[in-house]
Amino acid sequence: MMNFINGLLKCRRGPWEMVATILIAAGVIMLMQPLVLWLYTYSFIVTLVGTVMFIIVSHFPE
């Protein structure tokens, strides 16, 4: 856990890619759920932020 936090603070690719991937997955889950309208409303924004974040952090050092 501490290694993950240190990786985030030092802008390492692995931990930030994991955060971006979780955002993308959360956005897709938000899009597919039929119960809560505000989750569906913000699903595209969350997926888009995760995708752009993944593109940016793919240029971070290992």
C-alpha atoms as a PDB file:
ATOM      1  CA  MET A   1       0.000   0.000   0.000  1.00  0.00           C
ATOM      2  CA  MET A   2       2.779   2.417   0.905  1.00  0.00           C
ATOM      3  CA  ASN A   3       4.576   1.533  -2.330  1.00  0.00           C
ATOM      4  CA  PHE A   4       1.424   2.450  -4.300  1.00  0.00           C
ATOM      5  CA  ILE A   5       1.155   5.841  -2.550  1.00  0.00           C
ATOM      6  CA  ASN A   6       4.859   6.547  -3.112  1.00  0.00           C
ATOM      7  CA  GLY A   7       4.389   5.718  -6.805  1.00  0.00           C
ATOM      8  CA  LEU A   8       1.507   8.191  -7.028  1.00  0.00           C
ATOM      9  CA  LEU A   9       3.480  10.935  -5.336  1.00  0.00           C
ATOM     10  CA  LYS A  10       6.523  10.348  -7.546  1.00  0.00           C
ATOM     11  CA  CYS A  11       4.379  10.315 -10.737  1.00  0.00           C
ATOM     12  CA  ARG A  12       5.237   6.753 -11.722  1.00  0.00           C
ATOM     13  CA  ARG A  13       3.363   5.133 -14.587  1.00  0.00           C
ATOM     14  CA  GLY A  14       2.091   1.955 -12.903  1.00  0.00           C
ATOM     15  CA  PRO A  15      -0.012   3.406 -10.071  1.00  0.00           C
ATOM     16  CA  TRP A  16      -1.446   6.217 -12.199  1.00  0.00           C
ATOM     17  CA  GLU A  17      -2.388   3.785 -14.986  1.00  0.00           C
ATOM     18  CA  MET A  18      -4.218   1.709 -12.375  1.00  0.00           C
ATOM     19  CA  VAL A  19      -6.178   4.768 -11.215  1.00  0.00           C
ATOM     20  CA  ALA A  20      -7.047   5.653 -14.828  1.00  0.00           C
ATOM     21  CA  THR A  21      -8.149   2.091 -15.545  1.00  0.00           C
ATOM     22  CA  ILE A  22     -10.366   2.063 -12.454  1.00  0.00           C
ATOM     23  CA  LEU A  23     -11.953   5.340 -13.607  1.00  0.00           C
ATOM     24  CA  ILE A  24     -12.652   3.897 -17.048  1.00  0.00           C
ATOM     25  CA  ALA A  25     -14.183   0.746 -15.534  1.00  0.00           C
ATOM     26  CA  ALA A  26     -16.264   2.805 -13.096  1.00  0.00           C
ATOM     27  CA  GLY A  27     -17.566   4.928 -15.980  1.00  0.00           C
ATOM     28  CA  VAL A  28     -18.614   1.856 -17.948  1.00  0.00           C
ATOM     29  CA  ILE A  29     -20.342   0.355 -14.902  1.00  0.00           C
ATOM     30  CA  MET A  30     -22.091   3.681 -14.299  1.00  0.00           C
ATOM     31  CA  LEU A  31     -23.265   3.631 -17.920  1.00  0.00           C
ATOM     32  CA  MET A  32     -24.727   0.119 -17.690  1.00  0.00           C
ATOM     33  CA  GLN A  33     -26.587   0.398 -14.390  1.00  0.00           C
ATOM     34  CA  PRO A  34     -30.327   1.122 -14.747  1.00  0.00           C
ATOM     35  CA  LEU A  35     -31.200   2.436 -11.272  1.00  0.00           C
ATOM     36  CA  VAL A  36     -29.593   5.797 -10.494  1.00  0.00           C
ATOM     37  CA  LEU A  37     -30.000   8.543 -13.080  1.00  0.00           C
ATOM     38  CA  TRP A  38     -27.160  10.793 -11.856  1.00  0.00           C
ATOM     39  CA  LEU A  39     -24.676   7.887 -12.196  1.00  0.00           C
ATOM     40  CA  TYR A  40     -25.805   7.429 -15.794  1.00  0.00           C
ATOM     41  CA  THR A  41     -25.601  11.187 -16.372  1.00  0.00           C
ATOM     42  CA  TYR A  42     -21.952  11.444 -15.303  1.00  0.00           C
ATOM     43  CA  SER A  43     -20.797   8.118 -16.769  1.00  0.00           C
ATOM     44  CA  PHE A  44     -19.508   9.630 -20.015  1.00  0.00           C
ATOM     45  CA  ILE A  45     -17.529  12.318 -18.173  1.00  0.00           C
ATOM     46  CA  VAL A  46     -15.912   9.733 -15.863  1.00  0.00           C
ATOM     47  CA  THR A  47     -15.025   7.470 -18.800  1.00  0.00           C
ATOM     48  CA  LEU A  48     -13.618  10.414 -20.761  1.00  0.00           C
ATOM     49  CA  VAL A  49     -11.517  11.645 -17.826  1.00  0.00           C
ATOM     50  CA  GLY A  50     -10.152   8.121 -17.303  1.00  0.00           C
ATOM     51  CA  THR A  51      -9.278   7.773 -20.977  1.00  0.00           C
ATOM     52  CA  VAL A  52      -7.526  11.148 -21.210  1.00  0.00           C
ATOM     53  CA  MET A  53      -5.752  10.451 -17.924  1.00  0.00           C
ATOM     54  CA  PHE A  54      -4.541   7.084 -19.269  1.00  0.00           C
ATOM     55  CA  ILE A  55      -3.171   8.755 -22.400  1.00  0.00           C
ATOM     56  CA  ILE A  56      -1.328  11.362 -20.326  1.00  0.00           C
ATOM     57  CA  VAL A  57       0.134   8.988 -17.732  1.00  0.00           C
ATOM     58  CA  SER A  58       1.332   6.573 -20.413  1.00  0.00           C
ATOM     59  CA  HIS A  59       4.111   9.142 -20.946  1.00  0.00           C
ATOM     60  CA  PHE A  60       5.214   9.047 -17.287  1.00  0.00           C
ATOM     61  CA  PRO A  61       8.470   7.280 -16.436  1.00  0.00           C
ATOM     62  CA  GLU A  62       8.438   3.689 -15.205  1.00  0.00           C
END
